[in-house]
Protein backbone atom coordinates (compact mmCIF):
# COMPACT_ATOMS: atom_id res chain seq x y z
CA UNK A 1 38.42 245.98 99.86
CA UNK A 2 39.13 242.30 99.24
CA UNK A 3 40.77 241.51 102.57
CA UNK A 4 39.79 241.92 106.19
CA UNK A 5 42.42 241.86 108.93
CA UNK A 6 41.74 241.16 112.58
CA UNK A 7 43.63 240.10 115.64
CA UNK A 8 43.83 236.42 116.53
CA UNK A 9 41.00 237.16 118.99
CA UNK A 10 38.91 238.44 116.01
CA UNK A 11 39.10 242.20 116.75
CA UNK A 12 38.86 243.85 113.32
CA UNK A 13 41.58 246.31 112.31
CA UNK A 14 40.96 249.44 110.31
CA UNK A 15 43.15 249.72 107.18
CA UNK A 16 45.32 252.39 108.84
CA UNK A 17 46.22 249.80 111.51
CA UNK A 18 47.33 247.19 109.00
CA UNK A 19 51.02 246.18 109.13
CA UNK A 20 51.95 247.80 105.81
CA UNK A 21 50.32 251.09 106.82
CA UNK A 22 52.22 251.05 110.11
CA UNK A 23 55.50 250.23 108.37
CA UNK A 24 55.00 253.00 105.80
CA UNK A 25 54.55 255.48 108.67
CA UNK A 26 57.87 254.33 110.10
CA UNK A 27 56.45 252.17 112.88
CA UNK A 28 58.38 248.89 112.96
CA UNK A 29 56.29 245.72 113.00
CA UNK A 30 57.81 242.64 114.57
CA UNK A 31 56.05 239.25 114.73
CA UNK A 32 52.55 240.72 114.58
CA UNK A 33 50.10 237.83 114.22
CA UNK A 34 46.84 238.63 112.44
CA UNK A 35 43.91 236.80 110.91
CA UNK A 36 43.46 237.54 107.20
CA UNK A 37 40.14 236.80 105.56
CA UNK A 38 39.12 237.27 101.98
CA UNK A 39 35.69 238.78 101.71
CA UNK A 40 34.90 237.31 98.29
CA UNK A 41 35.62 233.65 99.12
CA UNK A 42 36.00 231.27 102.10
CA UNK A 43 39.70 231.92 102.74
CA UNK A 44 40.97 232.53 106.26
CA UNK A 45 44.63 232.37 107.26
CA UNK A 46 46.81 233.38 110.19
CA UNK A 47 49.78 235.47 109.12
CA UNK A 48 52.80 236.72 111.04
CA UNK A 49 54.06 240.13 109.86
CA UNK A 50 57.44 241.77 110.33
CA UNK A 51 58.47 244.95 108.60
CA UNK A 52 60.57 248.12 108.64
CA UNK A 53 60.82 251.30 106.68
CA UNK A 54 64.24 252.11 105.24
CA UNK A 55 65.30 255.50 103.91
CA UNK A 56 67.34 255.34 100.73
CA UNK A 57 67.42 258.97 99.71
CA UNK A 58 66.15 262.32 100.76
CA UNK A 59 62.42 261.86 101.41
CA UNK A 60 62.57 258.42 99.77
CA UNK A 61 61.61 255.32 101.73
CA UNK A 62 61.11 251.63 101.10
CA UNK A 63 58.84 249.50 103.25
CA UNK A 64 60.02 245.92 103.64
CA UNK A 65 57.52 243.33 104.85
CA UNK A 66 57.92 239.66 105.64
CA UNK A 67 54.77 237.58 105.82
CA UNK A 68 54.70 234.04 107.16
CA UNK A 69 51.61 231.86 106.99
CA UNK A 70 51.34 230.45 110.53
CA UNK A 71 47.91 228.88 110.16
CA UNK A 72 49.13 225.28 110.37
CA UNK A 73 51.44 226.06 113.27
CA UNK A 74 48.66 227.76 115.21
CA UNK A 75 46.29 224.86 114.54
CA UNK A 76 48.96 222.45 115.76
CA UNK A 77 49.51 224.60 118.86
CA UNK A 78 45.77 224.69 119.53
CA UNK A 79 45.52 220.91 119.04
CA UNK A 80 48.48 220.41 121.37
CA UNK A 81 46.93 222.70 123.98
CA UNK A 82 43.57 220.90 123.72
CA UNK A 83 45.36 217.55 123.98
CA UNK A 84 47.27 218.80 127.02
CA UNK A 85 44.04 220.02 128.66
CA UNK A 86 42.31 216.73 127.87
CA UNK A 87 45.24 214.83 129.34
CA UNK A 88 45.10 216.95 132.50
CA UNK A 89 41.38 216.17 132.83
CA UNK A 90 42.03 212.46 132.32
CA UNK A 91 44.86 212.51 134.87
CA UNK A 92 42.63 214.30 137.38
CA UNK A 93 39.84 211.76 136.79
CA UNK A 94 42.26 208.85 137.12
CA UNK A 95 43.71 210.35 140.29
CA UNK A 96 40.20 210.65 141.76
CA UNK A 97 39.48 207.05 140.75
CA UNK A 98 42.70 205.85 142.36
CA UNK A 99 42.01 207.85 145.51
CA UNK A 100 38.52 206.32 145.71
CA UNK A 101 40.02 202.86 145.19
CA UNK A 102 42.58 203.55 147.91
CA UNK A 103 39.85 204.65 150.34
CA UNK A 104 37.83 201.53 149.49
CA UNK A 105 40.91 199.30 149.91
CA UNK A 106 41.72 200.88 153.27
CA UNK A 107 38.11 200.41 154.41
CA UNK A 108 38.19 196.77 153.26
CA UNK A 109 41.47 196.28 155.14
CA UNK A 110 39.94 197.70 158.32
CA UNK A 111 36.89 195.44 157.93
CA UNK A 112 39.15 192.43 157.30
CA UNK A 113 41.19 193.22 160.40
CA UNK A 114 38.06 193.56 162.51
CA UNK A 115 36.69 190.31 161.10
CA UNK A 116 39.93 188.45 161.80
CA UNK A 117 40.10 189.78 165.35
CA UNK A 118 36.50 188.67 165.94
CA UNK A 119 37.11 185.32 164.26
CA UNK A 120 40.21 184.77 166.35
CA UNK A 121 38.30 185.32 169.55
CA UNK A 122 35.13 183.49 168.49
CA UNK A 123 37.00 180.40 167.22
CA UNK A 124 39.95 180.14 169.59
CA UNK A 125 37.95 180.49 172.78
CA UNK A 126 35.66 177.47 172.19
CA UNK A 127 38.49 175.42 170.67
CA UNK A 128 40.66 176.02 173.75
CA UNK A 129 37.69 175.02 175.91
CA UNK A 130 37.23 171.80 173.94
CA UNK A 131 40.95 171.01 174.17
CA UNK A 132 40.99 171.78 177.91
CA UNK A 133 37.88 169.76 178.78
CA UNK A 134 38.95 166.76 176.69
CA UNK A 135 42.30 166.91 178.50
CA UNK A 136 40.51 166.83 181.87
CA UNK A 137 38.36 163.92 180.74
CA UNK A 138 41.39 162.04 179.39
CA UNK A 139 43.14 162.49 182.75
CA UNK A 140 40.08 160.75 184.23
CA UNK A 141 39.57 163.50 186.80
CA UNK A 142 35.79 163.20 186.27
CA UNK A 143 35.87 159.44 186.52
CA UNK A 144 37.26 156.41 184.69
CA UNK A 145 36.97 156.03 180.90
CA UNK A 146 36.86 152.86 178.92
CA UNK A 147 39.34 152.36 176.09
CA UNK A 148 36.87 153.41 173.35
CA UNK A 149 35.89 156.61 175.20
CA UNK A 150 39.55 157.53 175.65
CA UNK A 151 40.19 156.88 171.95
CA UNK A 152 37.21 159.05 170.90
CA UNK A 153 38.16 161.91 173.24
CA UNK A 154 41.72 161.74 171.93
CA UNK A 155 40.37 162.15 168.39
CA UNK A 156 38.24 165.14 169.53
CA UNK A 157 41.26 166.77 171.19
CA UNK A 158 43.48 166.07 168.13
CA UNK A 159 40.87 167.53 165.76
CA UNK A 160 40.41 170.60 167.97
CA UNK A 161 44.19 171.17 168.10
CA UNK A 162 44.39 170.76 164.32
CA UNK A 163 41.55 173.26 163.83
CA UNK A 164 43.20 175.70 166.27
CA UNK A 165 46.46 175.42 164.30
CA UNK A 166 44.57 176.12 161.03
CA UNK A 167 42.90 179.20 162.55
CA UNK A 168 46.28 180.42 163.80
CA UNK A 169 47.86 179.87 160.36
CA UNK A 170 45.05 181.80 158.62
CA UNK A 171 45.47 184.68 161.06
CA UNK A 172 49.25 184.65 160.63
CA UNK A 173 48.96 184.72 156.82
CA UNK A 174 46.43 187.54 156.83
């Protein structure tokens, strides 16, 4: 009348299903885990029962029971399971984050490659034209140049070559 026994899943057991009753009937009990609650106070424990009935004379029996309080162990197991589940959720979230970052990085890499290809074409083409036309002018194929004009065109061609080298270096590095 003081105690109430139920399964770990909170299915209440009738007194004839209690471990001692089973053992007294000759039904061995091995590692049966039950919730024990006192009805008259806030006391709730998880107990593991093992027991056997032994005959020691004609029609004389002893029921041996071993009870182990497993409340702390079960709480630790539950905490470990919850921690494991939480860790799995965090790993899944982190994996999704990393996959998103990878997709973004790959997209950025494609954009960078497209930009560099466009930049290469858009910068090299006019620079090669400048270098070529200054070369033609310096060869005086379009007519004679004075010394100052030749000097200035040489500076233009040198600057254009330098800029073309810089563009090539940036493209090589990237």
